[in-house]
Amino acid sequence: KLYGIDNTAILCESFYVLLEYARTAMFLWMFIEGHYLHSMITITVFSDRPNYKCYYVLGWGLPVLMTATWASVTAIKHTGTLCWWGYNFSIYFWILEGPRLAIIMTNLLFLLNILRVLITKLQASASTETQQVKK
């Protein structure tokens, strides 16, 4: 009898859970960094230091909840398939994929707003320098 990861269901499924946790954590940290940069650039007075504890809870804790929810549903719905074969094609994968896409769209909005603010500041700075040269 061969013992491989495909023949050891619990090991195979555990690695899929770890993979999806890592992916989800990566997306959430990307969101946190986008939010942090957006806050630093667009808010003029950033008096308070960022709440790093909140960032840690969001970055590491929220992916645990999302992945646990997805893994529970997948474990119930994918019985009879070898090592959750094709789990990423099931409708339940949207438990993870939906928030990931929302994070990408939100980060795009952050980027566009940061670019808008930087361009506005650069144009204002250039016009001030031009007026000083004319004097």
Protein backbone atom coordinates (compact mmCIF):
# COMPACT_ATOMS: atom_id res chain seq x y z
CA LYS A 1 0.00 0.00 0.00
CA LEU A 2 1.36 3.40 -0.96
CA TYR A 3 1.24 6.26 1.48
CA GLY A 4 1.24 9.58 -0.27
CA ILE A 5 -0.42 12.85 0.46
CA ASP A 6 -3.29 11.97 -1.89
CA ASN A 7 -3.85 8.70 -0.01
CA THR A 8 -3.79 10.35 3.41
CA ALA A 9 -6.98 12.38 3.44
CA ILE A 10 -6.49 14.20 6.73
CA LEU A 11 -2.96 15.27 5.81
CA CYS A 12 -3.96 16.36 2.31
CA GLU A 13 -6.97 18.33 3.53
CA SER A 14 -4.91 19.90 6.31
CA PHE A 15 -2.42 21.19 3.77
CA TYR A 16 -5.27 22.66 1.70
CA VAL A 17 -6.53 24.43 4.82
CA LEU A 18 -3.04 25.80 5.53
CA LEU A 19 -2.69 26.90 1.91
CA GLU A 20 -5.98 28.78 1.95
CA TYR A 21 -5.20 30.30 5.35
CA ALA A 22 -1.88 31.60 4.00
CA ARG A 23 -3.56 33.03 0.90
CA THR A 24 -6.30 34.70 2.94
CA ALA A 25 -3.79 36.14 5.44
CA MET A 26 -1.72 37.49 2.55
CA PHE A 27 -4.73 39.28 1.08
CA LEU A 28 -5.73 40.71 4.45
CA TRP A 29 -2.22 42.00 5.11
CA MET A 30 -2.24 43.56 1.66
CA PHE A 31 -5.50 45.30 2.63
CA ILE A 32 -4.06 46.46 5.96
CA GLU A 33 -1.00 47.92 4.25
CA GLY A 34 -3.19 49.63 1.65
CA HIS A 35 -5.38 51.10 4.39
CA TYR A 36 -2.33 52.25 6.35
CA LEU A 37 -0.77 53.94 3.31
CA HIS A 38 -4.10 55.49 2.39
CA SER A 39 -4.45 56.88 5.91
CA MET A 40 -0.92 58.28 5.91
CA ILE A 41 -1.29 60.01 2.53
CA THR A 42 -4.87 61.24 2.53
CA ILE A 43 -5.38 62.25 6.15
CA THR A 44 -3.42 65.42 6.77
CA VAL A 45 -3.23 65.21 10.53
CA PHE A 46 -2.35 61.69 11.55
CA SER A 47 -1.98 62.43 15.26
CA ASP A 48 -2.56 58.98 16.69
CA ARG A 49 -0.19 56.13 16.12
CA PRO A 50 -1.81 53.26 14.26
CA ASN A 51 -3.37 50.56 16.40
CA TYR A 52 -1.02 47.71 15.62
CA LYS A 53 -2.88 45.29 17.88
CA CYS A 54 -5.97 45.77 15.74
CA TYR A 55 -3.87 45.18 12.64
CA TYR A 56 -2.48 41.96 14.12
CA VAL A 57 -5.94 40.69 15.03
CA LEU A 58 -7.28 41.50 11.58
CA GLY A 59 -4.24 40.22 9.73
CA TRP A 60 -3.86 36.91 11.55
CA GLY A 61 -7.20 36.31 13.31
CA LEU A 62 -9.76 37.08 10.63
CA PRO A 63 -8.19 34.62 8.17
CA VAL A 64 -8.52 31.92 10.85
CA LEU A 65 -12.27 32.56 11.09
CA MET A 66 -12.75 32.73 7.33
CA THR A 67 -10.67 29.63 6.66
CA ALA A 68 -12.33 27.67 9.48
CA THR A 69 -15.76 28.54 8.07
CA TRP A 70 -14.73 27.50 4.58
CA ALA A 71 -13.04 24.30 5.80
CA SER A 72 -16.10 23.30 7.83
CA VAL A 73 -18.46 23.78 4.90
CA THR A 74 -16.07 22.05 2.51
CA ALA A 75 -15.61 19.10 4.88
CA ILE A 76 -19.38 18.65 5.07
CA LYS A 77 -20.10 19.16 1.37
CA HIS A 78 -17.07 17.38 -0.14
CA THR A 79 -17.51 14.01 1.50
CA GLY A 80 -16.71 11.18 -0.86
CA THR A 81 -14.16 13.10 -2.91
CA LEU A 82 -10.51 12.22 -2.61
CA CYS A 83 -8.69 15.00 -0.78
CA TRP A 84 -11.36 17.61 -1.56
CA TRP A 85 -10.56 17.23 -5.25
CA GLY A 86 -11.86 20.27 -7.16
CA TYR A 87 -12.73 22.24 -4.02
CA ASN A 88 -11.76 25.48 -5.75
CA PHE A 89 -14.47 24.93 -8.37
CA SER A 90 -17.27 24.60 -5.82
CA ILE A 91 -19.64 27.40 -4.93
CA TYR A 92 -18.38 27.25 -1.33
CA PHE A 93 -14.96 28.48 -2.38
CA TRP A 94 -16.55 31.93 -2.66
CA ILE A 95 -16.49 32.05 1.15
CA LEU A 96 -12.81 32.87 0.66
CA GLU A 97 -12.72 34.20 -2.89
CA GLY A 98 -15.45 36.83 -2.39
CA PRO A 99 -13.62 38.73 0.35
CA ARG A 100 -10.36 38.39 -1.57
CA LEU A 101 -11.88 40.05 -4.63
CA ALA A 102 -13.42 42.74 -2.42
CA ILE A 103 -9.97 43.43 -0.95
CA ILE A 104 -8.46 43.77 -4.43
CA MET A 105 -11.19 46.22 -5.44
CA THR A 106 -10.82 48.21 -2.21
CA ASN A 107 -7.06 48.41 -2.66
CA LEU A 108 -7.61 49.65 -6.20
CA LEU A 109 -9.81 52.42 -4.80
CA PHE A 110 -7.15 53.22 -2.20
CA LEU A 111 -4.54 53.44 -4.97
CA LEU A 112 -6.67 55.71 -7.15
CA ASN A 113 -7.41 58.04 -4.25
CA ILE A 114 -3.74 58.14 -3.21
CA LEU A 115 -2.76 59.01 -6.79
CA ARG A 116 -5.44 61.73 -6.88
CA VAL A 117 -4.15 63.28 -3.64
CA LEU A 118 -0.50 63.12 -4.72
CA ILE A 119 -1.21 64.64 -8.14
CA THR A 120 -3.24 67.42 -6.52
CA LYS A 121 -0.44 68.17 -4.05
CA LEU A 122 2.21 68.13 -6.80
CA GLN A 123 0.16 70.50 -8.97
CA ALA A 124 -0.36 72.86 -6.05
CA SER A 125 3.34 72.75 -5.24
CA ALA A 126 4.32 73.42 -8.87
CA SER A 127 1.96 76.40 -9.15
CA THR A 128 3.32 77.89 -5.91
CA GLU A 129 6.89 77.59 -7.19
CA THR A 130 5.89 79.21 -10.49
CA GLN A 131 4.34 82.16 -8.66
CA GLN A 132 7.48 82.61 -6.55
CA VAL A 133 9.67 82.64 -9.66
CA LYS A 134 7.46 85.31 -11.26
CA LYS A 135 7.94 87.61 -8.25
